[in-house]
């Protein structure tokens, strides 16, 4: 799945969640969000936004 421009702009940064991110859950104290615009799942790891990879951090959809 391709990330929207909102998601690509915050990845690798410590910016605040953009308006399309919806919080799904906490995973080991790290907040996990899904973008309502593009469907990407992002996690805030130690003040840095990263994508959720299958097997690395469980995606909410799988």
C-alpha atoms as a PDB file:
ATOM      1  CA  UNK A   1       0.000   0.000   0.000  1.00  0.00           C
ATOM      2  CA  UNK A   2       1.275   3.477  -0.833  1.00  0.00           C
ATOM      3  CA  UNK A   3       1.443   6.105   1.865  1.00  0.00           C
ATOM      4  CA  UNK A   4      -0.284   9.425   1.298  1.00  0.00           C
ATOM      5  CA  UNK A   5       1.705  12.655   1.429  1.00  0.00           C
ATOM      6  CA  UNK A   6       0.538  13.255   5.017  1.00  0.00           C
ATOM      7  CA  UNK A   7       2.098   9.948   6.151  1.00  0.00           C
ATOM      8  CA  UNK A   8       5.319  10.355   4.181  1.00  0.00           C
ATOM      9  CA  UNK A   9       5.815  13.830   5.682  1.00  0.00           C
ATOM     10  CA  UNK A  10       5.766  12.575   9.287  1.00  0.00           C
ATOM     11  CA  UNK A  11       7.699   9.301   8.801  1.00  0.00           C
ATOM     12  CA  UNK A  12      11.134   9.466  10.366  1.00  0.00           C
ATOM     13  CA  UNK A  13      10.185  12.565  12.350  1.00  0.00           C
ATOM     14  CA  UNK A  14       8.732  13.385  15.749  1.00  0.00           C
ATOM     15  CA  UNK A  15       5.901  15.528  14.335  1.00  0.00           C
ATOM     16  CA  UNK A  16       2.418  15.378  15.826  1.00  0.00           C
ATOM     17  CA  UNK A  17      -0.022  12.881  14.265  1.00  0.00           C
ATOM     18  CA  UNK A  18      -1.722  14.335  11.188  1.00  0.00           C
ATOM     19  CA  UNK A  19      -5.497  14.808  10.981  1.00  0.00           C
ATOM     20  CA  UNK A  20      -6.112  11.483   9.167  1.00  0.00           C
ATOM     21  CA  UNK A  21      -4.366   9.270  11.767  1.00  0.00           C
ATOM     22  CA  UNK A  22      -6.679   7.320  14.062  1.00  0.00           C
ATOM     23  CA  UNK A  23      -5.186   5.671  17.143  1.00  0.00           C
ATOM     24  CA  UNK A  24      -5.724   1.899  17.124  1.00  0.00           C
ATOM     25  CA  UNK A  25      -3.926   0.663  20.227  1.00  0.00           C
ATOM     26  CA  UNK A  26      -0.716   0.691  22.287  1.00  0.00           C
ATOM     27  CA  UNK A  27       1.952  -1.936  21.540  1.00  0.00           C
ATOM     28  CA  UNK A  28       4.489  -2.179  24.385  1.00  0.00           C
ATOM     29  CA  UNK A  29       3.687   1.463  25.285  1.00  0.00           C
ATOM     30  CA  UNK A  30       4.119   2.640  21.662  1.00  0.00           C
ATOM     31  CA  UNK A  31       0.990   4.163  20.062  1.00  0.00           C
ATOM     32  CA  UNK A  32      -0.118   2.560  16.791  1.00  0.00           C
ATOM     33  CA  UNK A  33      -2.196   4.580  14.306  1.00  0.00           C
ATOM     34  CA  UNK A  34      -3.946   3.904  10.993  1.00  0.00           C
ATOM     35  CA  UNK A  35      -4.387   6.568   8.348  1.00  0.00           C
ATOM     36  CA  UNK A  36      -8.033   6.917   7.314  1.00  0.00           C
ATOM     37  CA  UNK A  37      -6.902   8.357   3.977  1.00  0.00           C
ATOM     38  CA  UNK A  38      -4.409   5.738   2.699  1.00  0.00           C
ATOM     39  CA  UNK A  39      -4.744   2.860   5.200  1.00  0.00           C
ATOM     40  CA  UNK A  40      -1.085   2.904   6.283  1.00  0.00           C
ATOM     41  CA  UNK A  41      -0.327   1.830   9.842  1.00  0.00           C
ATOM     42  CA  UNK A  42       2.307   3.856  11.681  1.00  0.00           C
ATOM     43  CA  UNK A  43       3.830   3.489  15.125  1.00  0.00           C
ATOM     44  CA  UNK A  44       5.483   6.189  17.208  1.00  0.00           C
ATOM     45  CA  UNK A  45       8.705   4.515  18.377  1.00  0.00           C
ATOM     46  CA  UNK A  46      10.730   6.601  20.808  1.00  0.00           C
ATOM     47  CA  UNK A  47       9.639   9.938  19.267  1.00  0.00           C
ATOM     48  CA  UNK A  48      10.009   8.758  15.652  1.00  0.00           C
ATOM     49  CA  UNK A  49       7.202   7.684  13.293  1.00  0.00           C
ATOM     50  CA  UNK A  50       7.811   4.316  11.594  1.00  0.00           C
ATOM     51  CA  UNK A  51       5.631   2.074   9.400  1.00  0.00           C
ATOM     52  CA  UNK A  52       4.287  -1.169  10.905  1.00  0.00           C
ATOM     53  CA  UNK A  53       6.009  -4.100   9.191  1.00  0.00           C
ATOM     54  CA  UNK A  54       4.530  -7.601   9.259  1.00  0.00           C
ATOM     55  CA  UNK A  55       6.461  -9.710  11.752  1.00  0.00           C
ATOM     56  CA  UNK A  56       8.256  -6.721  13.249  1.00  0.00           C
ATOM     57  CA  UNK A  57       5.248  -5.012  14.785  1.00  0.00           C
ATOM     58  CA  UNK A  58       1.899  -6.760  14.457  1.00  0.00           C
ATOM     59  CA  UNK A  59      -0.374  -4.913  12.073  1.00  0.00           C
ATOM     60  CA  UNK A  60      -3.913  -4.471  13.365  1.00  0.00           C
ATOM     61  CA  UNK A  61      -5.289  -5.970  10.163  1.00  0.00           C
ATOM     62  CA  UNK A  62      -3.294  -9.193  10.263  1.00  0.00           C
END
